[in-house]
Amino acid sequence: MKSKTIAAWLTFFGGPLGLHRFYLFGLSDLIGWLLPIPTALGLYGVTRVQQFGLDDQLSWILIPLLGFVIAGCALNAIIYGLMTSEGWNRRFNPTAAADAPVGNTSWLTVGAIVASLLIGTTILMGSIVYGFQRYFEYQIEEARRISQ
């Protein structure tokens, strides 16, 4: 039996590593195995910024990639948390009754939804701002270089 509350919290905390996919779909889930790749690339972008500074162009792509993965997992946690009990049990607990208690929404599920909404939105907006700011600063520097 797959609990909606456990799935929502796993998606929020362990989503970028694919833990929620393994919980819901098993170890043979391809997406679960692929999710750590963009997460690792994004973390590599963070280390590049620490090593080379903010002018590293590769990190301008890699850091927002990490942010988009985290925000996508937060959105997935919200979707899982907002599913109806019947829909949850139909999709993830097909042998259980439609009103089985593992598909019910509790206060812990609502907490996962709220945390995902707050953190996911903040990370998404930060990723977009960082990527665009770095890109436009680069464009201004190139325009200055051309004009001289």
C-alpha atoms as a PDB file:
ATOM      1  CA  MET A   1       0.000   0.000   0.000  1.00  0.00           C
ATOM      2  CA  LYS A   2       1.393   3.357  -1.047  1.00  0.00           C
ATOM      3  CA  SER A   3       0.701   6.258   1.308  1.00  0.00           C
ATOM      4  CA  LYS A   4      -0.076   9.630  -0.220  1.00  0.00           C
ATOM      5  CA  THR A   5       1.567  11.453   2.704  1.00  0.00           C
ATOM      6  CA  ILE A   6       4.800   9.474   2.450  1.00  0.00           C
ATOM      7  CA  ALA A   7       4.865   9.963  -1.310  1.00  0.00           C
ATOM      8  CA  ALA A   8       4.368  13.729  -1.005  1.00  0.00           C
ATOM      9  CA  TRP A   9       7.175  14.107   1.561  1.00  0.00           C
ATOM     10  CA  LEU A  10       9.498  11.784  -0.387  1.00  0.00           C
ATOM     11  CA  THR A  11       8.855  13.828  -3.511  1.00  0.00           C
ATOM     12  CA  PHE A  12       9.606  17.052  -1.645  1.00  0.00           C
ATOM     13  CA  PHE A  13      12.797  15.892   0.090  1.00  0.00           C
ATOM     14  CA  GLY A  14      14.115  13.106  -2.143  1.00  0.00           C
ATOM     15  CA  GLY A  15      12.553  14.001  -5.474  1.00  0.00           C
ATOM     16  CA  PRO A  16      15.753  15.231  -7.155  1.00  0.00           C
ATOM     17  CA  LEU A  17      17.272  11.819  -6.386  1.00  0.00           C
ATOM     18  CA  GLY A  18      14.232   9.917  -7.677  1.00  0.00           C
ATOM     19  CA  LEU A  19      13.288   8.424  -4.293  1.00  0.00           C
ATOM     20  CA  HIS A  20       9.574   9.069  -4.774  1.00  0.00           C
ATOM     21  CA  ARG A  21       9.630   7.284  -8.124  1.00  0.00           C
ATOM     22  CA  PHE A  22      11.226   4.220  -6.559  1.00  0.00           C
ATOM     23  CA  TYR A  23       8.630   4.263  -3.769  1.00  0.00           C
ATOM     24  CA  LEU A  24       5.700   4.542  -6.166  1.00  0.00           C
ATOM     25  CA  PHE A  25       6.849   2.578  -9.203  1.00  0.00           C
ATOM     26  CA  GLY A  26       9.660   0.325  -7.971  1.00  0.00           C
ATOM     27  CA  LEU A  27      13.358   0.133  -8.692  1.00  0.00           C
ATOM     28  CA  SER A  28      12.810  -0.515 -12.406  1.00  0.00           C
ATOM     29  CA  ASP A  29      11.505   3.032 -12.996  1.00  0.00           C
ATOM     30  CA  LEU A  30      13.663   4.720 -15.649  1.00  0.00           C
ATOM     31  CA  ILE A  31      12.760   8.287 -14.649  1.00  0.00           C
ATOM     32  CA  GLY A  32      13.778   7.510 -11.084  1.00  0.00           C
ATOM     33  CA  TRP A  33      17.219   6.480 -12.295  1.00  0.00           C
ATOM     34  CA  LEU A  34      17.555   9.501 -14.615  1.00  0.00           C
ATOM     35  CA  LEU A  35      16.553  12.194 -12.086  1.00  0.00           C
ATOM     36  CA  PRO A  36      19.919  12.241 -10.259  1.00  0.00           C
ATOM     37  CA  ILE A  37      21.722  13.185 -13.498  1.00  0.00           C
ATOM     38  CA  PRO A  38      20.395  16.768 -13.830  1.00  0.00           C
ATOM     39  CA  THR A  39      20.625  17.111 -10.052  1.00  0.00           C
ATOM     40  CA  ALA A  40      24.316  16.190 -10.128  1.00  0.00           C
ATOM     41  CA  LEU A  41      24.923  18.512 -13.085  1.00  0.00           C
ATOM     42  CA  GLY A  42      23.288  21.377 -11.187  1.00  0.00           C
ATOM     43  CA  LEU A  43      25.411  20.687  -8.128  1.00  0.00           C
ATOM     44  CA  TYR A  44      28.451  20.660 -10.401  1.00  0.00           C
ATOM     45  CA  GLY A  45      27.379  24.119 -11.584  1.00  0.00           C
ATOM     46  CA  VAL A  46      27.322  25.308  -7.968  1.00  0.00           C
ATOM     47  CA  THR A  47      30.861  24.017  -7.435  1.00  0.00           C
ATOM     48  CA  ARG A  48      31.980  25.730 -10.664  1.00  0.00           C
ATOM     49  CA  VAL A  49      30.682  29.045  -9.342  1.00  0.00           C
ATOM     50  CA  GLN A  50      32.609  28.482  -6.134  1.00  0.00           C
ATOM     51  CA  GLN A  51      35.783  27.686  -8.091  1.00  0.00           C
ATOM     52  CA  PHE A  52      35.611  30.120 -11.013  1.00  0.00           C
ATOM     53  CA  GLY A  53      33.226  32.837  -9.821  1.00  0.00           C
ATOM     54  CA  LEU A  54      29.986  34.150 -11.275  1.00  0.00           C
ATOM     55  CA  ASP A  55      31.494  34.719 -14.727  1.00  0.00           C
ATOM     56  CA  ASP A  56      31.569  30.988 -15.516  1.00  0.00           C
ATOM     57  CA  GLN A  57      29.160  30.572 -18.431  1.00  0.00           C
ATOM     58  CA  LEU A  58      28.622  26.841 -17.981  1.00  0.00           C
ATOM     59  CA  SER A  59      27.309  27.414 -14.468  1.00  0.00           C
ATOM     60  CA  TRP A  60      24.702  29.800 -15.879  1.00  0.00           C
ATOM     61  CA  ILE A  61      23.035  26.771 -17.468  1.00  0.00           C
ATOM     62  CA  LEU A  62      23.751  24.150 -14.833  1.00  0.00           C
ATOM     63  CA  ILE A  63      22.504  26.007 -11.753  1.00  0.00           C
ATOM     64  CA  PRO A  64      19.036  26.738 -13.193  1.00  0.00           C
ATOM     65  CA  LEU A  65      18.878  23.080 -14.245  1.00  0.00           C
ATOM     66  CA  LEU A  66      19.134  22.099 -10.586  1.00  0.00           C
ATOM     67  CA  GLY A  67      16.496  24.658  -9.687  1.00  0.00           C
ATOM     68  CA  PHE A  68      14.094  23.375 -12.327  1.00  0.00           C
ATOM     69  CA  VAL A  69      14.516  19.785 -11.109  1.00  0.00           C
ATOM     70  CA  ILE A  70      13.812  20.795  -7.519  1.00  0.00           C
ATOM     71  CA  ALA A  71      10.838  22.953  -8.556  1.00  0.00           C
ATOM     72  CA  GLY A  72       9.466  20.156 -10.739  1.00  0.00           C
ATOM     73  CA  CYS A  73       9.672  17.729  -7.843  1.00  0.00           C
ATOM     74  CA  ALA A  74       7.929  20.243  -5.593  1.00  0.00           C
ATOM     75  CA  LEU A  75       5.161  20.549  -8.179  1.00  0.00           C
ATOM     76  CA  ASN A  76       4.893  16.774  -8.281  1.00  0.00           C
ATOM     77  CA  ALA A  77       4.567  16.702  -4.475  1.00  0.00           C
ATOM     78  CA  ILE A  78       1.718  19.217  -4.736  1.00  0.00           C
ATOM     79  CA  ILE A  79      -0.005  17.093  -7.378  1.00  0.00           C
ATOM     80  CA  TYR A  80       0.327  13.954  -5.261  1.00  0.00           C
ATOM     81  CA  GLY A  81      -0.939  15.741  -2.172  1.00  0.00           C
ATOM     82  CA  LEU A  82      -3.978  17.188  -3.931  1.00  0.00           C
ATOM     83  CA  MET A  83      -5.115  13.915  -5.521  1.00  0.00           C
ATOM     84  CA  THR A  84      -8.425  12.624  -4.260  1.00  0.00           C
ATOM     85  CA  SER A  85      -8.381   9.484  -2.140  1.00  0.00           C
ATOM     86  CA  GLU A  86     -10.212   7.581  -4.858  1.00  0.00           C
ATOM     87  CA  GLY A  87      -7.818   8.767  -7.548  1.00  0.00           C
ATOM     88  CA  TRP A  88      -4.784   7.967  -5.412  1.00  0.00           C
ATOM     89  CA  ASN A  89      -5.959   4.470  -4.555  1.00  0.00           C
ATOM     90  CA  ARG A  90      -7.039   3.790  -8.131  1.00  0.00           C
ATOM     91  CA  ARG A  91      -3.610   4.746  -9.468  1.00  0.00           C
ATOM     92  CA  PHE A  92      -1.192   3.556  -6.777  1.00  0.00           C
ATOM     93  CA  ASN A  93      -3.207   1.022  -4.740  1.00  0.00           C
ATOM     94  CA  PRO A  94      -5.372  -0.730  -7.335  1.00  0.00           C
ATOM     95  CA  THR A  95      -6.099  -3.747  -5.098  1.00  0.00           C
ATOM     96  CA  ALA A  96      -7.321  -1.569  -2.210  1.00  0.00           C
ATOM     97  CA  ALA A  97     -10.790  -0.158  -1.743  1.00  0.00           C
ATOM     98  CA  ALA A  98     -11.409   3.260  -3.261  1.00  0.00           C
ATOM     99  CA  ASP A  99     -11.737   4.793   0.201  1.00  0.00           C
ATOM    100  CA  ALA A 100      -8.718   3.058   1.781  1.00  0.00           C
ATOM    101  CA  PRO A 101      -7.103   5.226   4.487  1.00  0.00           C
ATOM    102  CA  VAL A 102      -3.645   5.316   2.829  1.00  0.00           C
ATOM    103  CA  GLY A 103      -5.065   7.603   0.149  1.00  0.00           C
ATOM    104  CA  ASN A 104      -6.581  10.052   2.622  1.00  0.00           C
ATOM    105  CA  THR A 105      -5.254  13.567   3.053  1.00  0.00           C
ATOM    106  CA  SER A 106      -3.976  14.336   6.553  1.00  0.00           C
ATOM    107  CA  TRP A 107      -2.387  17.392   8.114  1.00  0.00           C
ATOM    108  CA  LEU A 108       1.019  15.941   7.282  1.00  0.00           C
ATOM    109  CA  THR A 109      -0.011  15.816   3.625  1.00  0.00           C
ATOM    110  CA  VAL A 110      -1.121  19.439   3.784  1.00  0.00           C
ATOM    111  CA  GLY A 111       2.240  20.297   5.365  1.00  0.00           C
ATOM    112  CA  ALA A 112       4.030  18.672   2.421  1.00  0.00           C
ATOM    113  CA  ILE A 113       1.877  20.675   0.002  1.00  0.00           C
ATOM    114  CA  VAL A 114       2.585  23.963   1.789  1.00  0.00           C
ATOM    115  CA  ALA A 115       6.331  23.281   2.066  1.00  0.00           C
ATOM    116  CA  SER A 116       6.487  22.289  -1.602  1.00  0.00           C
ATOM    117  CA  LEU A 117       4.614  25.397  -2.642  1.00  0.00           C
ATOM    118  CA  LEU A 118       6.828  27.743  -0.629  1.00  0.00           C
ATOM    119  CA  ILE A 119      10.214  26.182  -1.364  1.00  0.00           C
ATOM    120  CA  GLY A 120       9.443  25.119  -4.927  1.00  0.00           C
ATOM    121  CA  THR A 121       8.213  28.554  -5.958  1.00  0.00           C
ATOM    122  CA  THR A 122      11.176  30.279  -4.344  1.00  0.00           C
ATOM    123  CA  ILE A 123      13.688  27.990  -6.032  1.00  0.00           C
ATOM    124  CA  LEU A 124      11.948  28.251  -9.405  1.00  0.00           C
ATOM    125  CA  MET A 125      11.906  32.044  -9.334  1.00  0.00           C
ATOM    126  CA  GLY A 126      15.502  32.182  -8.104  1.00  0.00           C
ATOM    127  CA  SER A 127      16.627  29.880 -10.903  1.00  0.00           C
ATOM    128  CA  ILE A 128      14.878  31.927 -13.562  1.00  0.00           C
ATOM    129  CA  VAL A 129      16.256  35.198 -12.194  1.00  0.00           C
ATOM    130  CA  TYR A 130      19.816  33.844 -11.907  1.00  0.00           C
ATOM    131  CA  GLY A 131      19.819  32.459 -15.446  1.00  0.00           C
ATOM    132  CA  PHE A 132      18.372  35.583 -17.072  1.00  0.00           C
ATOM    133  CA  GLN A 133      20.499  37.985 -15.048  1.00  0.00           C
ATOM    134  CA  ARG A 134      23.714  36.197 -15.992  1.00  0.00           C
ATOM    135  CA  TYR A 135      22.626  36.023 -19.649  1.00  0.00           C
ATOM    136  CA  PHE A 136      21.738  39.717 -19.909  1.00  0.00           C
ATOM    137  CA  GLU A 137      24.912  40.787 -18.097  1.00  0.00           C
ATOM    138  CA  TYR A 138      26.867  38.751 -20.620  1.00  0.00           C
ATOM    139  CA  GLN A 139      24.994  40.417 -23.504  1.00  0.00           C
ATOM    140  CA  ILE A 140      25.775  43.879 -22.132  1.00  0.00           C
ATOM    141  CA  GLU A 141      29.469  43.012 -21.756  1.00  0.00           C
ATOM    142  CA  GLU A 142      29.594  41.711 -25.328  1.00  0.00           C
ATOM    143  CA  ALA A 143      27.855  44.847 -26.623  1.00  0.00           C
ATOM    144  CA  ARG A 144      30.381  47.034 -24.812  1.00  0.00           C
ATOM    145  CA  ARG A 145      33.222  44.973 -26.223  1.00  0.00           C
ATOM    146  CA  ILE A 146      31.870  45.296 -29.771  1.00  0.00           C
ATOM    147  CA  SER A 147      31.265  49.048 -29.457  1.00  0.00           C
ATOM    148  CA  GLN A 148      34.875  49.750 -28.428  1.00  0.00           C
END
